[in-house]
């Protein structure tokens, strides 16, 4: 019996309770979690903005140690430190055949499986494949990657979502070039990773935008050269900081219609706006045909940073080892499993960066 945070139904409070895990079957790995990040996507799953089968154990950003492996697993062994990859690519679907592994149509098939049971016999699904809000989990072998050398195991949890997303939003989706100007909307865990990635890319001016004035110190430590408290004149404030033109690139990490529209308006003529935040179906963004023509801007979505974890993790790890990327700077609170509901409340209130569940 292990402890886990169970979502019994959409919109229901999390239950911190005991669950029964099976031993790993063929092609599976059992992992003892060292840490799990509390991501806004977990909140979106709990309130129904994103849908998964329930009851479920949430948590998709995690790292831990291999306890045991099933038949046929050879790339990791008991005792190895691993990062969880919640969106493994199948390698055979149409997007995968195009090299766009972040759009794999089969990536979340595992979330429909029953992977464990509660003490009273209820069947449980593994959230976004990996069920990291638990002391231990059993996952498909393609959901684990070895922790890169020189990266602390607990902090490595952040590589599984926030860091890959922020890094990829800058280096893949937006393709920020040295000397360009960048604005990042939303200074949570992903936003802080995006700011660091923009600094590493060589952006000249980096504007952080958030509703909370208390996050300015966090943002500047991550690489922001300017800070704007969000208001009805945010786009004008960002343009004023960039010679009146607007930034070359805006990255939206919130997932709300108003911030998506503002990010687009904050870019220069011909600029690029990248949407990382996950919004609900009710968040409608409107543009008129003339302004689309006149401004010549690009608006693009970004899934998981448009990243290939196997290729990107070694690159990011090199920056971590050389001191250019600070994983610890993303974490504003270290909590236990029992602290997850409070971390959800803090996200709703726009507070803090990443809360990290440490086991």
Protein backbone atom coordinates (compact mmCIF):
# COMPACT_ATOMS: atom_id res chain seq x y z
CA UNK A 1 0.00 0.00 0.00
CA UNK A 2 1.33 3.44 -0.96
CA UNK A 3 -0.08 6.95 -0.53
CA UNK A 4 -1.36 8.91 -3.52
CA UNK A 5 -3.47 11.94 -4.42
CA UNK A 6 -6.61 10.55 -6.09
CA UNK A 7 -9.07 12.60 -8.15
CA UNK A 8 -12.34 10.67 -7.54
CA UNK A 9 -14.39 12.67 -10.05
CA UNK A 10 -14.08 15.82 -12.16
CA UNK A 11 -14.45 18.85 -9.92
CA UNK A 12 -14.16 16.83 -6.70
CA UNK A 13 -11.49 17.50 -4.04
CA UNK A 14 -8.37 15.37 -4.17
CA UNK A 15 -8.27 12.44 -1.75
CA UNK A 16 -4.91 11.64 -0.17
CA UNK A 17 -5.34 7.92 0.36
CA UNK A 18 -3.74 4.50 0.11
CA UNK A 19 -3.66 2.64 -3.21
CA UNK A 20 -2.53 -0.82 -4.31
CA UNK A 21 0.05 -0.98 -7.12
CA UNK A 22 0.72 -4.17 -9.10
CA UNK A 23 4.20 -5.35 -9.94
CA UNK A 24 5.37 -4.19 -13.39
CA UNK A 25 4.29 -6.37 -16.29
CA UNK A 26 6.10 -6.78 -19.61
CA UNK A 27 7.35 -3.45 -20.89
CA UNK A 28 6.64 -1.65 -17.59
CA UNK A 29 8.72 0.04 -14.89
CA UNK A 30 7.97 0.63 -11.20
CA UNK A 31 9.39 3.86 -9.80
CA UNK A 32 9.76 5.30 -6.31
CA UNK A 33 9.12 9.03 -6.73
CA UNK A 34 11.68 11.51 -5.40
CA UNK A 35 9.65 14.59 -6.36
CA UNK A 36 6.73 15.76 -8.48
CA UNK A 37 5.94 19.26 -9.68
CA UNK A 38 2.44 20.69 -9.32
CA UNK A 39 1.59 22.04 -12.77
CA UNK A 40 -1.36 24.16 -13.90
CA UNK A 41 -2.29 21.28 -16.21
CA UNK A 42 -3.01 19.16 -13.12
CA UNK A 43 -5.41 21.86 -11.98
CA UNK A 44 -7.00 21.88 -15.45
CA UNK A 45 -7.47 18.11 -15.24
CA UNK A 46 -9.04 18.32 -11.81
CA UNK A 47 -11.60 20.98 -12.83
CA UNK A 48 -12.49 19.47 -16.20
CA UNK A 49 -10.80 22.00 -18.52
CA UNK A 50 -8.85 19.00 -19.81
CA UNK A 51 -10.43 15.55 -19.69
CA UNK A 52 -8.99 12.26 -18.46
CA UNK A 53 -10.70 9.06 -17.31
CA UNK A 54 -11.49 9.14 -13.57
CA UNK A 55 -10.92 8.14 -10.82
CA UNK A 56 -7.29 8.98 -11.52
CA UNK A 57 -4.01 9.74 -9.84
CA UNK A 58 -2.81 13.04 -11.28
CA UNK A 59 0.73 14.40 -11.55
CA UNK A 60 2.74 14.31 -14.76
CA UNK A 61 6.00 16.09 -13.87
CA UNK A 62 8.18 13.77 -11.82
CA UNK A 63 11.45 11.97 -11.23
CA UNK A 64 12.47 9.04 -9.09
CA UNK A 65 14.37 5.78 -8.77
CA UNK A 66 13.59 2.53 -10.59
CA UNK A 67 12.41 -0.13 -8.12
CA UNK A 68 11.81 -2.98 -10.57
CA UNK A 69 11.31 -3.59 -14.27
CA UNK A 70 9.13 -5.95 -16.27
CA UNK A 71 10.14 -8.36 -19.00
CA UNK A 72 11.77 -6.75 -22.02
CA UNK A 73 12.87 -3.51 -20.34
CA UNK A 74 16.58 -2.95 -20.96
CA UNK A 75 17.23 0.81 -21.10
CA UNK A 76 16.83 1.27 -17.31
CA UNK A 77 17.49 -1.00 -14.33
CA UNK A 78 16.67 -1.03 -10.60
CA UNK A 79 18.49 1.80 -8.84
CA UNK A 80 18.59 4.11 -11.88
CA UNK A 81 17.35 7.69 -11.56
CA UNK A 82 14.72 8.51 -14.17
CA UNK A 83 12.63 11.44 -15.42
CA UNK A 84 8.99 10.75 -16.26
CA UNK A 85 7.90 11.54 -19.82
CA UNK A 86 4.12 11.96 -19.77
CA UNK A 87 3.80 12.15 -23.57
CA UNK A 88 5.86 9.34 -25.13
CA UNK A 89 5.75 9.26 -28.93
CA UNK A 90 4.77 6.09 -30.78
CA UNK A 91 7.11 6.75 -33.70
CA UNK A 92 4.63 5.48 -36.31
CA UNK A 93 1.66 7.89 -36.51
CA UNK A 94 1.53 10.68 -39.10
CA UNK A 95 2.97 13.49 -36.89
CA UNK A 96 5.74 11.17 -35.69
CA UNK A 97 6.58 10.28 -39.30
CA UNK A 98 7.03 14.02 -39.92
CA UNK A 99 9.37 14.32 -36.93
CA UNK A 100 6.74 16.19 -34.89
CA UNK A 101 6.82 13.79 -31.95
CA UNK A 102 5.19 16.32 -29.60
CA UNK A 103 1.97 15.93 -31.63
CA UNK A 104 1.89 12.11 -31.45
CA UNK A 105 -1.74 11.02 -31.67
CA UNK A 106 -1.08 7.97 -29.48
CA UNK A 107 0.88 9.75 -26.73
CA UNK A 108 -1.92 9.65 -24.15
CA UNK A 109 -3.34 6.21 -24.89
CA UNK A 110 -2.00 4.93 -21.58
CA UNK A 111 -4.19 7.32 -19.59
CA UNK A 112 -7.21 5.14 -20.39
CA UNK A 113 -5.65 2.08 -18.76
CA UNK A 114 -6.42 0.84 -15.26
CA UNK A 115 -3.05 0.81 -13.50
CA UNK A 116 -3.91 0.53 -9.78
CA UNK A 117 -6.77 0.25 -7.28
CA UNK A 118 -7.79 2.05 -4.13
CA UNK A 119 -7.87 0.14 -0.86
CA UNK A 120 -11.63 -0.36 -1.33
CA UNK A 121 -11.20 -1.78 -4.83
CA UNK A 122 -11.95 1.19 -7.10
CA UNK A 123 -10.10 1.08 -10.42
CA UNK A 124 -7.64 3.93 -10.98
CA UNK A 125 -6.32 5.51 -14.18
CA UNK A 126 -2.82 7.04 -14.40
CA UNK A 127 -3.68 10.70 -15.06
CA UNK A 128 -1.46 11.81 -17.93
CA UNK A 129 0.11 8.34 -18.23
CA UNK A 130 2.47 8.56 -15.25
CA UNK A 131 0.49 9.25 -12.02
CA UNK A 132 3.30 11.15 -10.30
CA UNK A 133 1.24 12.32 -7.30
CA UNK A 134 2.07 9.11 -5.47
CA UNK A 135 4.93 7.64 -3.49
CA UNK A 136 5.41 5.05 -6.25
CA UNK A 137 4.02 4.48 -9.73
CA UNK A 138 4.05 1.88 -12.52
CA UNK A 139 4.47 3.23 -16.05
CA UNK A 140 5.19 2.05 -19.57
CA UNK A 141 8.91 1.81 -20.26
CA UNK A 142 8.73 4.53 -22.91
CA UNK A 143 7.56 6.95 -20.20
CA UNK A 144 10.97 6.98 -18.48
CA UNK A 145 14.23 8.60 -19.47
CA UNK A 146 17.51 8.37 -17.52
CA UNK A 147 18.24 11.44 -15.41
CA UNK A 148 21.07 13.33 -17.12
CA UNK A 149 24.42 13.25 -15.35
CA UNK A 150 24.94 16.06 -12.86
CA UNK A 151 21.23 16.89 -12.36
CA UNK A 152 19.91 16.40 -8.79
CA UNK A 153 17.18 13.74 -8.73
CA UNK A 154 14.47 15.80 -7.00
CA UNK A 155 15.06 18.88 -9.16
CA UNK A 156 15.06 16.64 -12.25
CA UNK A 157 11.29 16.35 -11.85
CA UNK A 158 10.99 19.82 -13.35
CA UNK A 159 12.55 18.59 -16.59
CA UNK A 160 9.44 16.52 -17.25
CA UNK A 161 7.16 19.46 -18.06
CA UNK A 162 8.01 23.04 -17.01
CA UNK A 163 11.58 23.08 -18.31
CA UNK A 164 10.98 21.20 -21.56
CA UNK A 165 7.93 23.38 -22.27
CA UNK A 166 9.65 26.69 -21.53
CA UNK A 167 12.86 25.70 -23.30
CA UNK A 168 11.03 24.47 -26.37
CA UNK A 169 8.71 27.49 -26.51
CA UNK A 170 11.80 29.67 -26.96
CA UNK A 171 14.15 27.46 -28.95
CA UNK A 172 11.71 25.44 -31.08
CA UNK A 173 8.28 27.08 -31.36
CA UNK A 174 9.42 30.74 -31.36
CA UNK A 175 12.98 30.21 -32.59
CA UNK A 176 14.30 33.19 -30.65
CA UNK A 177 17.52 34.56 -32.11
CA UNK A 178 20.30 36.37 -30.27
CA UNK A 179 19.52 40.08 -29.97
CA UNK A 180 15.75 39.70 -30.34
CA UNK A 181 13.31 41.08 -27.80
CA UNK A 182 10.96 38.75 -25.90
CA UNK A 183 7.93 39.13 -23.63
CA UNK A 184 6.76 36.29 -21.38
CA UNK A 185 3.19 36.40 -20.08
CA UNK A 186 2.71 34.53 -16.81
CA UNK A 187 5.47 34.01 -14.26
CA UNK A 188 4.64 30.54 -12.97
CA UNK A 189 6.86 27.48 -13.33
CA UNK A 190 6.68 27.40 -17.13
CA UNK A 191 7.06 31.17 -17.38
CA UNK A 192 10.19 31.12 -15.21
CA UNK A 193 11.67 28.37 -17.39
CA UNK A 194 10.79 30.40 -20.49
CA UNK A 195 12.56 33.47 -19.10
CA UNK A 196 15.71 31.44 -18.45
CA UNK A 197 15.54 29.94 -21.94
CA UNK A 198 15.18 33.42 -23.48
CA UNK A 199 18.23 34.61 -21.54
CA UNK A 200 20.25 31.61 -22.74
CA UNK A 201 19.09 32.27 -26.33
CA UNK A 202 20.68 35.73 -26.09
CA UNK A 203 17.53 37.86 -26.11
CA UNK A 204 18.41 41.51 -25.59
CA UNK A 205 15.31 42.80 -23.79
CA UNK A 206 13.21 40.29 -21.84
CA UNK A 207 9.91 41.59 -20.50
CA UNK A 208 8.06 39.55 -17.86
CA UNK A 209 4.31 40.22 -17.49
CA UNK A 210 2.19 39.01 -14.58
CA UNK A 211 -0.81 40.14 -12.54
CA UNK A 212 1.24 39.94 -9.34
CA UNK A 213 3.79 42.64 -8.50
CA UNK A 214 5.29 40.24 -5.94
CA UNK A 215 6.74 38.07 -8.72
CA UNK A 216 9.12 40.73 -10.04
CA UNK A 217 12.10 39.48 -8.04
CA UNK A 218 11.53 35.91 -9.24
CA UNK A 219 11.23 37.08 -12.84
CA UNK A 220 14.38 39.21 -12.77
CA UNK A 221 16.36 36.37 -11.16
CA UNK A 222 15.30 34.15 -14.06
CA UNK A 223 16.44 36.64 -16.69
CA UNK A 224 13.80 39.35 -17.09
CA UNK A 225 15.29 42.77 -17.80
CA UNK A 226 11.89 44.50 -17.45
CA UNK A 227 8.74 43.77 -15.47
CA UNK A 228 5.17 44.83 -16.24
CA UNK A 229 2.23 44.35 -13.91
CA UNK A 230 -0.67 43.31 -16.14
CA UNK A 231 -3.40 45.89 -16.73
CA UNK A 232 -5.66 47.12 -19.54
CA UNK A 233 -2.62 48.93 -21.03
CA UNK A 234 -0.17 46.04 -20.95
CA UNK A 235 0.43 45.99 -24.70
CA UNK A 236 1.21 49.73 -24.70
CA UNK A 237 3.57 49.27 -21.74
CA UNK A 238 5.45 46.47 -23.54
CA UNK A 239 5.73 48.52 -26.73
CA UNK A 240 7.02 51.48 -24.72
CA UNK A 241 9.86 49.31 -23.43
CA UNK A 242 10.87 48.35 -26.98
CA UNK A 243 11.14 51.67 -28.74
CA UNK A 244 7.42 51.77 -29.46
CA UNK A 245 7.63 48.83 -31.86
CA UNK A 246 6.71 45.85 -29.69
CA UNK A 247 8.72 42.71 -29.00
CA UNK A 248 9.93 40.31 -31.66
CA UNK A 249 8.47 37.36 -29.74
CA UNK A 250 5.74 37.03 -27.11
CA UNK A 251 5.21 33.75 -25.24
CA UNK A 252 1.85 33.34 -23.50
CA UNK A 253 1.97 30.92 -20.54
CA UNK A 254 -1.48 31.55 -19.06
CA UNK A 255 -4.11 30.16 -21.44
CA UNK A 256 -6.67 32.97 -21.26
CA UNK A 257 -8.22 34.80 -24.19
CA UNK A 258 -7.28 38.23 -22.86
CA UNK A 259 -3.61 37.34 -22.38
CA UNK A 260 -3.38 35.62 -25.78
CA UNK A 261 -4.81 38.71 -27.45
CA UNK A 262 -2.53 41.00 -25.41
CA UNK A 263 0.54 38.92 -26.22
CA UNK A 264 -0.27 39.20 -29.92
CA UNK A 265 -0.78 42.98 -29.62
CA UNK A 266 2.53 43.31 -27.77
CA UNK A 267 4.57 42.05 -30.71
CA UNK A 268 5.99 44.27 -33.43
CA UNK A 269 4.68 44.27 -36.98
CA UNK A 270 5.81 40.90 -38.32
CA UNK A 271 6.38 39.55 -34.80
CA UNK A 272 5.64 36.07 -33.43
CA UNK A 273 3.26 35.15 -30.62
CA UNK A 274 3.46 31.62 -29.20
CA UNK A 275 0.68 30.23 -26.98
CA UNK A 276 1.87 27.74 -24.36
CA UNK A 277 -0.97 28.14 -21.83
CA UNK A 278 -3.88 25.68 -21.96
CA UNK A 279 -7.24 27.43 -21.95
CA UNK A 280 -10.81 26.17 -21.96
CA UNK A 281 -13.21 26.00 -24.90
CA UNK A 282 -14.98 29.09 -23.58
CA UNK A 283 -11.85 31.21 -24.06
CA UNK A 284 -12.57 32.73 -27.48
CA UNK A 285 -9.95 34.99 -29.10
CA UNK A 286 -11.13 37.39 -31.83
CA UNK A 287 -9.25 39.14 -34.66
CA UNK A 288 -10.52 41.12 -37.61
CA UNK A 289 -9.34 40.39 -41.13
CA UNK A 290 -7.77 43.81 -41.68
CA UNK A 291 -5.53 43.71 -38.62
CA UNK A 292 -4.31 40.21 -39.48
CA UNK A 293 -3.23 41.52 -42.88
CA UNK A 294 -1.83 44.83 -41.62
CA UNK A 295 0.28 43.58 -38.71
CA UNK A 296 1.67 40.51 -40.46
CA UNK A 297 2.12 38.78 -37.12
CA UNK A 298 2.25 35.03 -36.53
CA UNK A 299 0.16 33.35 -33.82
CA UNK A 300 1.05 29.72 -33.10
CA UNK A 301 0.25 27.05 -30.56
CA UNK A 302 2.94 25.13 -28.73
CA UNK A 303 2.53 21.60 -27.33
CA UNK A 304 5.05 20.41 -24.72
CA UNK A 305 7.47 23.02 -26.04
CA UNK A 306 7.45 21.31 -29.47
CA UNK A 307 10.19 19.25 -27.84
CA UNK A 308 11.67 15.82 -28.31
CA UNK A 309 12.64 14.93 -24.71
CA UNK A 310 15.29 12.40 -25.72
CA UNK A 311 17.06 15.02 -27.84
CA UNK A 312 16.44 18.10 -25.68
CA UNK A 313 17.22 16.79 -22.19
CA UNK A 314 20.97 16.36 -22.83
CA UNK A 315 21.18 19.91 -24.22
CA UNK A 316 19.33 21.39 -21.23
CA UNK A 317 21.39 19.29 -18.81
CA UNK A 318 24.59 20.79 -20.20
CA UNK A 319 23.28 24.26 -19.40
CA UNK A 320 22.34 23.09 -15.89
CA UNK A 321 25.80 21.64 -15.24
CA UNK A 322 27.47 24.81 -16.52
CA UNK A 323 25.33 27.00 -14.26
CA UNK A 324 23.40 28.73 -17.03
CA UNK A 325 20.05 27.14 -16.17
CA UNK A 326 18.98 27.09 -12.50
CA UNK A 327 16.34 24.43 -11.81
CA UNK A 328 16.03 25.47 -8.17
CA UNK A 329 15.00 28.99 -9.18
CA UNK A 330 11.71 27.63 -10.51
CA UNK A 331 10.69 26.20 -7.13
CA UNK A 332 8.99 28.58 -4.71
CA UNK A 333 7.61 25.95 -2.33
CA UNK A 334 8.50 22.39 -1.34
CA UNK A 335 5.51 20.45 -0.01
CA UNK A 336 4.22 16.97 0.82
CA UNK A 337 1.36 15.12 -0.88
CA UNK A 338 -1.03 16.70 1.61
CA UNK A 339 0.00 20.14 0.35
CA UNK A 340 -1.21 19.64 -3.23
CA UNK A 341 -4.73 21.10 -2.68
CA UNK A 342 -3.13 24.21 -1.20
CA UNK A 343 -0.80 24.45 -4.19
CA UNK A 344 -3.87 24.34 -6.47
CA UNK A 345 -5.38 27.22 -4.48
CA UNK A 346 -2.14 29.21 -4.81
CA UNK A 347 -2.17 28.75 -8.60
CA UNK A 348 -5.77 29.95 -8.79
CA UNK A 349 -4.72 33.02 -6.83
CA UNK A 350 -1.75 33.65 -9.16
CA UNK A 351 0.85 33.10 -6.45
CA UNK A 352 4.32 31.63 -6.63
CA UNK A 353 6.27 29.69 -9.23
CA UNK A 354 6.44 25.89 -9.05
CA UNK A 355 5.39 23.93 -5.96
CA UNK A 356 7.42 20.72 -5.72
CA UNK A 357 6.11 17.66 -3.89
CA UNK A 358 9.15 16.09 -2.22
CA UNK A 359 8.75 12.48 -1.08
